[in-house]
Amino acid sequence: MTQRMTYDEAVGVLERALKFGMNPSLEPIGAMCVAMGEPQKRYRCIQVAGTNGKSSTTRMIAALLRAQGLSVGLYVSPHLVKYPERIEVDGRVVSDDDFARAIEAALDAAARAGVQATEFELLTAAALWHFAQAGVDWAVLECGLGGRWDATSVVTPDVAVITGVALEHTEILGDTLEKIAAEKAAIIKAGSRAVFAHDLAARKVLEQQAASVGAPSESACLDVVEPFTSELSRLPAYQRSNLATALTAVAAALGHEPSPESVRAALGALVIPGRFEVLRRDPLVIIDAAHNPQSAHALAEEITRCFGTVPSSRPTLLLGVLADKDARGIIRELCPLFSRIVVTASASARAIPAPELAAMVEEECGVRPEVTRDLHEARKLLGNEPVIATGSITVAGEVKDIW
């Protein structure tokens, strides 16, 4: 009997593949899918791209489709604590054993196709293969970066969703909103329907792409969420726009609006990891993966809504930011809201060292925060104090793991 790859071996493969970076080409993932029998053609797909809101919208779409009695695969990135969190079927995270089996299938496909696969290509191929094995009706796929060369773009989506356009990864995607919008708009293909969030920047670029491939397009309207005000009360206010986009996308996929009862059922069970996620209530610990000024602004509004306008009435801010992000923009949005600020650094090699981040906070806000070298030291310092931890996805994930 052939010895199967273990979970630890699968993680090792992915960590070694990190060195291959990003492929500005769909040829490797395309060749891998061909070697696997093109699993992405065995179900219908919704693909979601955007600067902000894409993870939440992706999860909402999957939940809304499940509430219709459909079998749904979900693929998101990055993970907070463990790799398998990126792949779900019918609301359940893939088991470690099934995750290893899927990575083994992707690795075998790469070998047969003769390609040197990146981490994200292996993960994407693994997810697409696993969804085919599970016999899902729909797969909802979150783009990792941009859209044009993202490995998820090996699919031709039935519905292509754009949640937001803002300056990000400018060294890869371009240095203007229009260039970035063009990269995301590339997921709109002939045979797709395009759905746009209600307040998109550079909308003209997106509409031009849809027109060029003959894809019908529509914009989400916030009015569609009005019947679900009571259900929205348990979600951060900034999720209102994401829900509107998700509802519009699901209606486009189904050919009709989902029933109010099914929407309420989906929202009642919805959990969005790392987005104003309450890890515990006594003492209060909240994580939010806000990692750019736009998402930090949305978080700031939610903090004011929940804790009022007096800084001393709010929990301690635990902040850690990655070096390739607009740290000063994040600081300007968040730090004035808090009377106590602790800065830290996640285990990521891209994390800004805590003393350097502290200097930025002092320069931007005129206050000197407390400094902890890493999340373990921060945990000891903060003890049983209420905390809001944010600034990067890696900080949110480590706090979830350590706390």
Protein backbone atom coordinates (compact mmCIF):
# COMPACT_ATOMS: atom_id res chain seq x y z
CA MET A 1 0.00 0.00 0.00
CA THR A 2 1.39 3.41 -0.99
CA GLN A 3 2.38 5.60 1.94
CA ARG A 4 0.32 8.79 1.89
CA MET A 5 1.76 12.23 2.61
CA THR A 6 1.28 13.34 6.21
CA TYR A 7 -0.04 16.74 7.22
CA ASP A 8 3.37 17.85 8.49
CA GLU A 9 4.94 16.78 5.21
CA ALA A 10 2.33 18.78 3.29
CA VAL A 11 3.09 21.89 5.35
CA GLY A 12 6.79 21.36 4.70
CA VAL A 13 6.14 21.22 0.94
CA LEU A 14 4.22 24.49 1.08
CA GLU A 15 6.84 26.25 3.18
CA ARG A 16 9.58 25.21 0.77
CA ALA A 17 7.47 26.40 -2.17
CA LEU A 18 7.29 29.90 -0.68
CA LYS A 19 10.71 30.63 -2.17
CA PHE A 20 9.23 30.49 -5.67
CA GLY A 21 7.23 33.65 -4.99
CA MET A 22 4.46 34.63 -7.41
CA ASN A 23 4.03 33.52 -11.03
CA PRO A 24 2.80 36.29 -13.40
CA SER A 25 1.31 33.54 -15.56
CA LEU A 26 -1.61 31.14 -15.55
CA GLU A 27 0.31 28.50 -17.51
CA PRO A 28 1.62 26.55 -14.47
CA ILE A 29 -1.74 26.32 -12.69
CA GLY A 30 -3.42 25.57 -16.02
CA ALA A 31 -1.02 22.71 -16.72
CA MET A 32 -1.54 21.35 -13.20
CA CYS A 33 -5.31 21.38 -13.64
CA VAL A 34 -5.02 19.55 -16.96
CA ALA A 35 -2.88 16.91 -15.24
CA MET A 36 -5.61 16.51 -12.61
CA GLY A 37 -8.38 16.15 -15.21
CA GLU A 38 -9.52 19.79 -14.97
CA PRO A 39 -11.42 19.52 -11.68
CA GLN A 40 -12.48 23.20 -11.89
CA LYS A 41 -14.90 22.28 -14.70
CA ARG A 42 -16.91 19.87 -12.55
CA TYR A 43 -18.78 22.59 -10.65
CA ARG A 44 -19.84 26.20 -11.09
CA CYS A 45 -17.65 28.99 -9.74
CA ILE A 46 -17.91 32.43 -8.21
CA GLN A 47 -14.60 34.32 -8.09
CA VAL A 48 -14.09 37.31 -5.79
CA ALA A 49 -11.41 39.98 -6.15
CA GLY A 50 -10.92 43.28 -4.33
CA THR A 51 -8.68 45.33 -2.09
CA ASN A 52 -10.96 45.19 0.94
CA GLY A 53 -13.97 43.08 1.83
CA LYS A 54 -13.21 40.11 -0.40
CA SER A 55 -12.75 37.51 2.36
CA SER A 56 -15.96 38.55 4.13
CA THR A 57 -17.91 38.71 0.88
CA THR A 58 -16.57 35.31 -0.20
CA ARG A 59 -17.68 33.74 3.07
CA MET A 60 -21.09 35.41 2.87
CA ILE A 61 -21.65 34.16 -0.67
CA ALA A 62 -20.76 30.61 0.36
CA ALA A 63 -23.09 30.77 3.37
CA LEU A 64 -25.96 32.14 1.27
CA LEU A 65 -25.53 29.39 -1.34
CA ARG A 66 -25.43 26.71 1.38
CA ALA A 67 -28.70 28.06 2.73
CA GLN A 68 -30.26 27.15 -0.65
CA GLY A 69 -29.46 23.50 0.02
CA LEU A 70 -26.45 23.50 -2.31
CA SER A 71 -23.08 21.86 -1.64
CA VAL A 72 -20.44 24.60 -1.62
CA GLY A 73 -16.65 24.70 -1.59
CA LEU A 74 -14.96 27.76 -0.12
CA TYR A 75 -11.38 28.85 -0.82
CA VAL A 76 -9.95 31.88 1.03
CA SER A 77 -6.53 33.23 1.91
CA PRO A 78 -4.48 33.64 3.90
CA HIS A 79 -5.14 31.44 6.91
CA LEU A 80 -5.06 32.75 10.47
CA VAL A 81 -3.55 29.77 12.30
CA LYS A 82 -3.37 26.67 10.04
CA TYR A 83 -3.27 26.06 6.31
CA PRO A 84 -6.45 23.91 6.17
CA GLU A 85 -8.52 26.95 7.21
CA ARG A 86 -8.28 28.07 3.58
CA ILE A 87 -10.41 25.19 2.28
CA GLU A 88 -13.96 24.43 3.42
CA VAL A 89 -16.75 22.22 2.13
CA ASP A 90 -20.27 22.93 3.33
CA GLY A 91 -19.04 25.14 6.15
CA ARG A 92 -16.48 22.69 7.52
CA VAL A 93 -12.74 23.19 7.35
CA VAL A 94 -10.99 20.34 5.55
CA SER A 95 -9.39 17.80 7.89
CA ASP A 96 -5.61 17.63 8.21
CA ASP A 97 -5.59 14.24 6.46
CA ASP A 98 -7.75 15.42 3.56
CA PHE A 99 -5.68 18.59 3.27
CA ALA A 100 -2.48 16.52 2.99
CA ARG A 101 -4.14 14.29 0.39
CA ALA A 102 -5.13 17.34 -1.68
CA ILE A 103 -1.62 18.84 -1.49
CA GLU A 104 -0.22 15.46 -2.54
CA ALA A 105 -2.53 15.47 -5.57
CA ALA A 106 -1.43 19.03 -6.46
CA LEU A 107 2.25 18.14 -6.05
CA ASP A 108 1.83 15.08 -8.23
CA ALA A 109 0.09 17.19 -10.88
CA ALA A 110 2.94 19.71 -10.83
CA ALA A 111 5.45 16.90 -11.34
CA ARG A 112 3.48 15.39 -14.24
CA ALA A 113 3.04 18.83 -15.81
CA GLY A 114 6.75 19.60 -15.36
CA VAL A 115 6.17 22.89 -13.49
CA GLN A 116 7.78 24.39 -10.39
CA ALA A 117 4.67 25.35 -8.47
CA THR A 118 4.45 28.23 -6.00
CA GLU A 119 2.82 27.86 -2.59
CA PHE A 120 -0.36 29.54 -3.80
CA GLU A 121 -0.53 27.45 -6.97
CA LEU A 122 -0.26 24.25 -4.91
CA LEU A 123 -2.95 25.45 -2.51
CA THR A 124 -5.27 26.52 -5.32
CA ALA A 125 -4.84 23.28 -7.24
CA ALA A 126 -5.40 21.33 -4.02
CA ALA A 127 -8.63 23.20 -3.30
CA LEU A 128 -9.98 22.74 -6.83
CA TRP A 129 -9.15 19.01 -6.71
CA HIS A 130 -10.71 18.57 -3.27
CA PHE A 131 -13.92 20.31 -4.33
CA ALA A 132 -14.23 17.92 -7.28
CA GLN A 133 -13.65 14.93 -4.98
CA ALA A 134 -16.32 16.25 -2.61
CA GLY A 135 -18.81 16.72 -5.47
CA VAL A 136 -19.70 20.33 -4.68
CA ASP A 137 -22.27 22.21 -6.74
CA TRP A 138 -20.48 25.57 -6.43
CA ALA A 139 -16.99 26.75 -5.51
CA VAL A 140 -16.52 30.28 -4.18
CA LEU A 141 -12.93 31.40 -4.69
CA GLU A 142 -11.17 34.41 -3.20
CA CYS A 143 -8.32 35.84 -5.27
CA GLY A 144 -5.05 35.98 -3.40
CA LEU A 145 -3.55 39.00 -5.18
CA GLY A 146 -4.92 41.15 -7.98
CA GLY A 147 -6.81 38.97 -10.42
CA ARG A 148 -5.22 38.74 -13.84
CA TRP A 149 -2.41 36.35 -12.84
CA ASP A 150 -3.95 35.00 -9.65
CA ALA A 151 -4.00 31.20 -9.65
CA THR A 152 -7.75 31.19 -9.02
CA SER A 153 -8.14 32.74 -12.48
CA VAL A 154 -7.62 29.31 -13.99
CA VAL A 155 -11.43 29.14 -13.67
CA THR A 156 -13.96 30.90 -15.88
CA PRO A 157 -16.35 32.12 -13.21
CA ASP A 158 -20.12 32.13 -13.65
CA VAL A 159 -20.06 35.26 -11.50
CA ALA A 160 -17.05 37.59 -11.13
CA VAL A 161 -17.24 39.85 -8.08
CA ILE A 162 -15.20 43.00 -7.38
CA THR A 163 -15.50 44.24 -3.78
CA GLY A 164 -13.16 47.24 -3.79
CA VAL A 165 -10.32 49.05 -5.51
CA ALA A 166 -7.62 50.92 -3.57
CA LEU A 167 -3.86 51.33 -3.77
CA GLU A 168 -2.17 48.07 -2.75
CA HIS A 169 0.83 46.04 -3.87
CA THR A 170 1.67 48.89 -6.23
CA GLU A 171 4.99 47.31 -7.17
CA ILE A 172 3.05 44.38 -8.65
CA LEU A 173 -0.39 45.68 -9.59
CA GLY A 174 0.42 49.23 -10.69
CA ASP A 175 0.67 52.66 -9.10
CA THR A 176 -2.77 54.08 -9.96
CA LEU A 177 -6.32 53.04 -9.09
CA GLU A 178 -7.02 52.52 -12.78
CA LYS A 179 -4.11 50.09 -13.21
CA ILE A 180 -5.08 48.15 -10.10
CA ALA A 181 -8.73 48.06 -11.22
CA ALA A 182 -7.62 46.66 -14.59
CA GLU A 183 -5.78 43.80 -12.85
CA LYS A 184 -8.85 42.92 -10.81
CA ALA A 185 -11.23 43.41 -13.77
CA ALA A 186 -9.38 40.65 -15.67
CA ILE A 187 -11.40 38.04 -13.74
CA ILE A 188 -14.44 39.15 -15.76
CA LYS A 189 -14.54 36.82 -18.77
CA ALA A 190 -16.83 35.89 -21.62
CA GLY A 191 -19.63 33.81 -20.12
CA SER A 192 -19.44 35.53 -16.73
CA ARG A 193 -21.77 37.93 -15.00
CA ALA A 194 -20.00 40.80 -13.22
CA VAL A 195 -21.06 42.14 -9.83
CA PHE A 196 -19.55 45.32 -8.37
CA ALA A 197 -19.71 46.72 -4.84
CA HIS A 198 -21.79 49.87 -4.59
CA ASP A 199 -18.99 52.39 -4.03
CA LEU A 200 -16.11 51.20 -6.23
CA ALA A 201 -13.29 53.46 -7.33
CA ALA A 202 -12.25 53.32 -11.01
CA ARG A 203 -15.62 51.77 -11.87
CA LYS A 204 -15.28 52.82 -15.51
CA VAL A 205 -12.32 50.46 -15.96
CA LEU A 206 -14.37 47.56 -14.62
CA GLU A 207 -17.39 48.39 -16.76
CA GLN A 208 -15.19 48.61 -19.85
CA GLN A 209 -13.78 45.14 -19.19
CA ALA A 210 -17.27 43.70 -18.76
CA ALA A 211 -18.42 45.33 -21.99
CA SER A 212 -15.35 44.14 -23.89
CA VAL A 213 -16.11 40.47 -23.15
CA GLY A 214 -19.88 40.80 -23.37
CA ALA A 215 -20.45 40.13 -19.67
CA PRO A 216 -23.62 41.58 -18.12
CA SER A 217 -22.76 43.69 -15.08
CA GLU A 218 -24.64 45.11 -12.13
CA SER A 219 -23.83 47.06 -8.99
CA ALA A 220 -24.89 46.14 -5.49
CA CYS A 221 -27.38 48.46 -3.81
CA LEU A 222 -27.36 48.91 -0.05
CA ASP A 223 -31.15 48.82 0.00
CA VAL A 224 -31.08 45.04 -0.40
CA VAL A 225 -29.82 44.62 3.16
CA GLU A 226 -32.60 46.66 4.78
CA PRO A 227 -34.85 43.65 5.50
CA PHE A 228 -32.03 42.09 7.52
CA THR A 229 -31.27 44.94 9.94
CA SER A 230 -31.74 42.81 13.04
CA GLU A 231 -29.42 40.09 11.71
CA LEU A 232 -26.82 42.70 10.79
CA SER A 233 -26.73 43.93 14.37
CA ARG A 234 -24.45 41.03 15.30
CA LEU A 235 -21.98 41.97 12.56
CA PRO A 236 -19.72 45.02 12.32
CA ALA A 237 -21.40 47.90 10.51
CA TYR A 238 -18.77 47.78 7.77
CA GLN A 239 -20.12 44.37 6.71
CA ARG A 240 -23.30 46.03 5.41
CA SER A 241 -21.69 46.78 2.04
CA ASN A 242 -20.17 43.30 1.82
CA LEU A 243 -23.55 41.69 2.45
CA ALA A 244 -25.14 43.81 -0.27
CA THR A 245 -22.48 42.64 -2.70
CA ALA A 246 -22.87 39.00 -1.62
CA LEU A 247 -26.66 39.10 -2.01
CA THR A 248 -26.33 40.58 -5.49
CA ALA A 249 -23.75 37.94 -6.46
CA VAL A 250 -25.93 35.07 -5.22
CA ALA A 251 -28.96 36.43 -7.08
CA ALA A 252 -26.83 36.58 -10.23
CA ALA A 253 -25.67 32.99 -9.68
CA LEU A 254 -29.11 31.55 -8.96
CA GLY A 255 -31.06 33.64 -11.45
CA HIS A 256 -33.34 34.84 -8.66
CA GLU A 257 -33.06 36.52 -5.27
CA PRO A 258 -32.59 34.16 -2.30
CA SER A 259 -35.58 33.98 -0.01
CA PRO A 260 -35.53 36.20 3.11
CA GLU A 261 -35.78 33.08 5.26
CA SER A 262 -32.69 31.53 3.71
CA VAL A 263 -30.75 34.78 4.08
CA ARG A 264 -31.63 34.98 7.76
CA ALA A 265 -30.60 31.37 8.27
CA ALA A 266 -27.26 32.03 6.57
CA LEU A 267 -26.56 35.16 8.59
CA GLY A 268 -27.54 33.50 11.84
CA ALA A 269 -24.80 30.89 11.41
CA LEU A 270 -22.21 33.15 9.77
CA VAL A 271 -18.73 33.38 11.30
CA ILE A 272 -16.05 35.51 9.62
CA PRO A 273 -12.67 34.67 11.19
CA GLY A 274 -10.41 37.62 11.86
CA ARG A 275 -12.98 40.32 11.10
CA PHE A 276 -13.93 41.97 14.40
CA GLU A 277 -13.90 38.46 15.78
CA VAL A 278 -14.57 38.18 19.50
CA LEU A 279 -12.22 35.49 20.82
CA ARG A 280 -13.56 35.82 24.35
CA ARG A 281 -15.70 38.21 26.36
CA ASP A 282 -14.24 38.22 29.86
CA PRO A 283 -11.83 39.80 29.50
CA LEU A 284 -12.76 41.02 26.05
CA VAL A 285 -10.34 40.02 23.25
CA ILE A 286 -11.14 41.10 19.69
CA ILE A 287 -9.03 40.51 16.59
CA ASP A 288 -9.41 42.34 13.31
CA ALA A 289 -7.23 41.76 10.25
CA ALA A 290 -7.29 45.42 9.16
CA HIS A 291 -4.01 45.86 7.28
CA ASN A 292 -4.42 49.02 5.22
CA PRO A 293 -5.79 52.51 5.90
CA GLN A 294 -9.17 51.74 4.33
CA SER A 295 -9.84 48.69 6.49
CA ALA A 296 -8.39 50.50 9.52
CA HIS A 297 -10.85 53.36 8.92
CA ALA A 298 -13.74 50.88 8.86
CA LEU A 299 -12.44 49.32 12.07
CA ALA A 300 -12.13 52.75 13.70
CA GLU A 301 -15.78 53.47 12.94
CA GLU A 302 -16.82 50.15 14.46
CA ILE A 303 -14.74 50.79 17.59
CA THR A 304 -16.44 54.17 18.06
CA ARG A 305 -19.86 52.58 17.52
CA CYS A 306 -19.20 49.84 20.08
CA PHE A 307 -17.16 51.68 22.74
CA GLY A 308 -18.13 55.34 22.42
CA THR A 309 -15.98 58.39 21.87
CA VAL A 310 -13.91 58.42 25.08
CA PRO A 311 -10.48 56.75 24.56
CA SER A 312 -10.26 55.60 28.17
CA SER A 313 -13.48 53.60 27.76
CA ARG A 314 -11.94 51.46 25.04
CA PRO A 315 -9.80 48.33 25.32
CA THR A 316 -6.03 48.46 24.84
CA LEU A 317 -4.89 48.61 21.23
CA LEU A 318 -2.36 45.91 20.34
CA LEU A 319 -0.83 46.88 16.99
CA GLY A 320 1.56 45.11 14.64
CA VAL A 321 2.05 45.97 10.95
CA LEU A 322 3.95 44.43 8.05
CA ALA A 323 6.66 46.41 6.30
CA ASP A 324 4.99 46.33 2.87
CA LYS A 325 1.86 48.04 4.21
CA ASP A 326 1.03 51.71 4.82
CA ALA A 327 1.84 51.62 8.52
CA ARG A 328 1.53 55.37 9.00
CA GLY A 329 -1.88 55.40 7.36
CA ILE A 330 -3.05 52.62 9.69
CA ILE A 331 -1.60 54.45 12.70
CA ARG A 332 -3.38 57.70 11.81
CA GLU A 333 -6.71 55.90 11.59
CA LEU A 334 -6.47 53.86 14.80
CA CYS A 335 -4.05 55.21 17.37
CA PRO A 336 -5.89 58.48 18.26
CA LEU A 337 -8.83 56.35 19.43
CA PHE A 338 -6.98 54.71 22.33
CA SER A 339 -5.58 55.83 25.65
CA ARG A 340 -3.27 52.80 25.86
CA ILE A 341 -1.33 51.44 22.90
CA VAL A 342 0.99 48.44 22.84
CA VAL A 343 3.01 47.75 19.70
CA THR A 344 4.42 44.38 18.77
CA ALA A 345 5.71 42.31 15.86
CA SER A 346 4.31 39.07 14.53
CA ALA A 347 6.55 36.16 13.61
CA SER A 348 6.40 37.14 9.93
CA ALA A 349 9.74 38.01 8.35
CA ARG A 350 7.96 41.08 6.93
CA ALA A 351 6.89 42.43 10.33
CA ILE A 352 8.04 45.95 11.23
CA PRO A 353 10.21 45.65 14.37
CA ALA A 354 8.26 46.89 17.38
CA PRO A 355 10.70 49.75 18.29
CA GLU A 356 10.48 51.05 14.71
CA LEU A 357 6.68 50.87 14.76
CA ALA A 358 6.63 52.64 18.14
CA ALA A 359 8.66 55.50 16.68
CA MET A 360 6.11 55.85 13.87
CA VAL A 361 3.25 56.00 16.37
CA GLU A 362 5.05 58.72 18.34
CA GLU A 363 5.78 60.72 15.19
CA GLU A 364 2.21 60.48 13.90
CA CYS A 365 0.25 60.82 17.15
CA GLY A 366 2.59 62.39 19.69
CA VAL A 367 2.38 59.50 22.16
CA ARG A 368 4.96 56.88 23.01
CA PRO A 369 3.38 53.42 23.06
CA GLU A 370 4.56 50.48 25.11
CA VAL A 371 6.79 48.08 23.21
CA THR A 372 6.73 44.28 23.18
CA ARG A 373 9.07 42.30 20.95
CA ASP A 374 6.53 39.66 19.96
CA LEU A 375 3.02 38.38 20.67
CA HIS A 376 4.16 36.11 23.51
CA GLU A 377 5.65 39.08 25.35
CA ALA A 378 2.51 41.09 24.62
CA ARG A 379 0.38 38.31 26.11
CA LYS A 380 2.36 38.41 29.34
CA LEU A 381 2.21 42.20 29.53
CA LEU A 382 -1.52 42.48 28.91
CA GLY A 383 -2.57 39.61 31.16
CA ASN A 384 -6.33 39.78 31.61
CA GLU A 385 -6.87 43.23 30.13
CA PRO A 386 -9.42 43.81 27.36
CA VAL A 387 -7.62 44.03 24.00
CA ILE A 388 -8.25 44.83 20.36
CA ALA A 389 -5.45 43.30 18.28
CA THR A 390 -5.02 44.46 14.69
CA GLY A 391 -2.72 45.88 12.02
CA SER A 392 -2.05 42.68 10.06
CA ILE A 393 -3.53 39.29 9.30
CA THR A 394 -0.50 37.67 10.95
CA VAL A 395 -1.10 39.53 14.23
CA ALA A 396 -4.77 38.48 14.21
CA GLY A 397 -3.78 34.86 13.59
CA GLU A 398 -1.09 34.73 16.26
CA VAL A 399 -3.33 36.32 18.87
CA LYS A 400 -6.01 33.76 18.04
CA ASP A 401 -3.44 31.00 18.52
CA ILE A 402 -1.73 32.36 21.65
CA TRP A 403 -4.68 33.86 23.50
